[in-house]
Amino acid sequence: MSSNKTFSLEDRTFEFARDCRFLVKDLKKTISNIEDGKQLIKSSGSVGANYIEGNEKLGDKDLKFRIKISRKEAKESEYWLKLL
């Protein structure tokens, strides 16, 4: 049985950011949707960007710091998704 599930965290964070952009693109153009959508686009892209940056770590402290930022941005994205 073959599965289309993505296991690479870099790929999954990219797909998350991409899917958030698709969602925002399809939203009704209200002031709140536009502003909340901008925030979602920023935070969702930051999840993967910080993870990738952490993988190019300068040391274990840097990796942990970048992972914490990614986690924070993921939680922020969840907040904006709930509002939208």
C-alpha atoms as a PDB file:
ATOM      1  CA  MET A   1       0.000   0.000   0.000  1.00  0.00           C
ATOM      2  CA  SER A   2       1.472   3.355  -0.980  1.00  0.00           C
ATOM      3  CA  SER A   3       0.837   6.545   0.948  1.00  0.00           C
ATOM      4  CA  ASN A   4       1.066  10.155  -0.229  1.00  0.00           C
ATOM      5  CA  LYS A   5       1.817  11.356   3.305  1.00  0.00           C
ATOM      6  CA  THR A   6       4.819  13.656   3.560  1.00  0.00           C
ATOM      7  CA  PHE A   7       7.255  12.896   6.357  1.00  0.00           C
ATOM      8  CA  SER A   8       9.946  15.513   5.756  1.00  0.00           C
ATOM      9  CA  LEU A   9       9.360  18.368   8.186  1.00  0.00           C
ATOM     10  CA  GLU A  10      10.783  20.835   5.669  1.00  0.00           C
ATOM     11  CA  ASP A  11       8.249  19.639   3.090  1.00  0.00           C
ATOM     12  CA  ARG A  12       5.395  19.600   5.583  1.00  0.00           C
ATOM     13  CA  THR A  13       6.064  23.143   6.772  1.00  0.00           C
ATOM     14  CA  PHE A  14       6.261  24.274   3.141  1.00  0.00           C
ATOM     15  CA  GLU A  15       2.921  22.597   2.372  1.00  0.00           C
ATOM     16  CA  PHE A  16       1.388  24.230   5.443  1.00  0.00           C
ATOM     17  CA  ALA A  17       2.495  27.707   4.351  1.00  0.00           C
ATOM     18  CA  ARG A  18       1.351  27.044   0.787  1.00  0.00           C
ATOM     19  CA  ASP A  19      -2.052  25.784   1.936  1.00  0.00           C
ATOM     20  CA  CYS A  20      -2.502  28.840   4.159  1.00  0.00           C
ATOM     21  CA  ARG A  21      -1.892  31.030   1.129  1.00  0.00           C
ATOM     22  CA  PHE A  22      -4.482  29.094  -0.882  1.00  0.00           C
ATOM     23  CA  LEU A  23      -6.953  29.554   1.967  1.00  0.00           C
ATOM     24  CA  VAL A  24      -6.351  33.315   2.218  1.00  0.00           C
ATOM     25  CA  LYS A  25      -6.651  33.693  -1.555  1.00  0.00           C
ATOM     26  CA  ASP A  26     -10.134  32.131  -1.465  1.00  0.00           C
ATOM     27  CA  LEU A  27     -11.465  34.202   1.453  1.00  0.00           C
ATOM     28  CA  LYS A  28     -14.095  36.875   1.044  1.00  0.00           C
ATOM     29  CA  LYS A  29     -12.339  40.258   0.776  1.00  0.00           C
ATOM     30  CA  THR A  30     -13.371  41.895   4.067  1.00  0.00           C
ATOM     31  CA  ILE A  31     -11.122  44.195   6.080  1.00  0.00           C
ATOM     32  CA  SER A  32     -10.749  41.647   8.875  1.00  0.00           C
ATOM     33  CA  ASN A  33     -10.047  38.749   6.488  1.00  0.00           C
ATOM     34  CA  ILE A  34      -7.422  40.797   4.658  1.00  0.00           C
ATOM     35  CA  GLU A  35      -5.636  41.850   7.864  1.00  0.00           C
ATOM     36  CA  ASP A  36      -5.900  38.443   9.566  1.00  0.00           C
ATOM     37  CA  GLY A  37      -4.868  36.766   6.309  1.00  0.00           C
ATOM     38  CA  LYS A  38      -1.710  38.887   6.153  1.00  0.00           C
ATOM     39  CA  GLN A  39      -0.821  37.795   9.681  1.00  0.00           C
ATOM     40  CA  LEU A  40      -1.477  34.131   8.812  1.00  0.00           C
ATOM     41  CA  ILE A  41       0.711  34.338   5.722  1.00  0.00           C
ATOM     42  CA  LYS A  42       3.583  35.827   7.746  1.00  0.00           C
ATOM     43  CA  SER A  43       3.397  33.371  10.640  1.00  0.00           C
ATOM     44  CA  SER A  44       2.812  30.260   8.499  1.00  0.00           C
ATOM     45  CA  GLY A  45       5.818  31.048   6.326  1.00  0.00           C
ATOM     46  CA  SER A  46       7.948  31.701   9.372  1.00  0.00           C
ATOM     47  CA  VAL A  47       7.331  28.181  10.711  1.00  0.00           C
ATOM     48  CA  GLY A  48       9.238  26.545   7.867  1.00  0.00           C
ATOM     49  CA  ALA A  49      11.751  29.320   7.388  1.00  0.00           C
ATOM     50  CA  ASN A  50      12.911  29.076  10.990  1.00  0.00           C
ATOM     51  CA  TYR A  51      12.987  25.279  10.869  1.00  0.00           C
ATOM     52  CA  ILE A  52      15.166  25.355   7.750  1.00  0.00           C
ATOM     53  CA  GLU A  53      17.417  27.986   9.297  1.00  0.00           C
ATOM     54  CA  GLY A  54      17.726  25.821  12.412  1.00  0.00           C
ATOM     55  CA  ASN A  55      18.845  22.871  10.303  1.00  0.00           C
ATOM     56  CA  GLU A  56      21.762  25.006   9.159  1.00  0.00           C
ATOM     57  CA  LYS A  57      22.576  25.441  12.812  1.00  0.00           C
ATOM     58  CA  LEU A  58      25.593  27.066  14.246  1.00  0.00           C
ATOM     59  CA  GLY A  59      25.301  24.821  17.283  1.00  0.00           C
ATOM     60  CA  ASP A  60      22.792  23.022  19.462  1.00  0.00           C
ATOM     61  CA  LYS A  61      21.692  26.255  21.157  1.00  0.00           C
ATOM     62  CA  ASP A  62      20.881  27.811  17.783  1.00  0.00           C
ATOM     63  CA  LEU A  63      18.891  24.746  16.693  1.00  0.00           C
ATOM     64  CA  LYS A  64      16.843  24.771  19.901  1.00  0.00           C
ATOM     65  CA  PHE A  65      16.231  28.511  19.568  1.00  0.00           C
ATOM     66  CA  ARG A  66      15.003  28.170  15.944  1.00  0.00           C
ATOM     67  CA  ILE A  67      12.756  25.223  16.824  1.00  0.00           C
ATOM     68  CA  LYS A  68      11.213  27.273  19.652  1.00  0.00           C
ATOM     69  CA  ILE A  69      10.549  30.121  17.228  1.00  0.00           C
ATOM     70  CA  SER A  70       8.980  27.686  14.738  1.00  0.00           C
ATOM     71  CA  ARG A  71       6.721  26.342  17.473  1.00  0.00           C
ATOM     72  CA  LYS A  72       5.718  29.868  18.498  1.00  0.00           C
ATOM     73  CA  GLU A  73       4.908  30.780  14.897  1.00  0.00           C
ATOM     74  CA  ALA A  74       2.869  27.585  14.488  1.00  0.00           C
ATOM     75  CA  LYS A  75       0.811  28.508  17.550  1.00  0.00           C
ATOM     76  CA  GLU A  76       0.352  32.013  16.177  1.00  0.00           C
ATOM     77  CA  SER A  77      -0.790  30.543  12.851  1.00  0.00           C
ATOM     78  CA  GLU A  78      -3.332  28.428  14.706  1.00  0.00           C
ATOM     79  CA  TYR A  79      -4.682  31.611  16.323  1.00  0.00           C
ATOM     80  CA  TRP A  80      -5.114  33.364  12.954  1.00  0.00           C
ATOM     81  CA  LEU A  81      -6.738  30.275  11.456  1.00  0.00           C
ATOM     82  CA  LYS A  82      -9.261  30.227  14.285  1.00  0.00           C
ATOM     83  CA  LEU A  83     -10.088  33.895  13.676  1.00  0.00           C
ATOM     84  CA  LEU A  84     -10.490  33.361   9.965  1.00  0.00           C
END
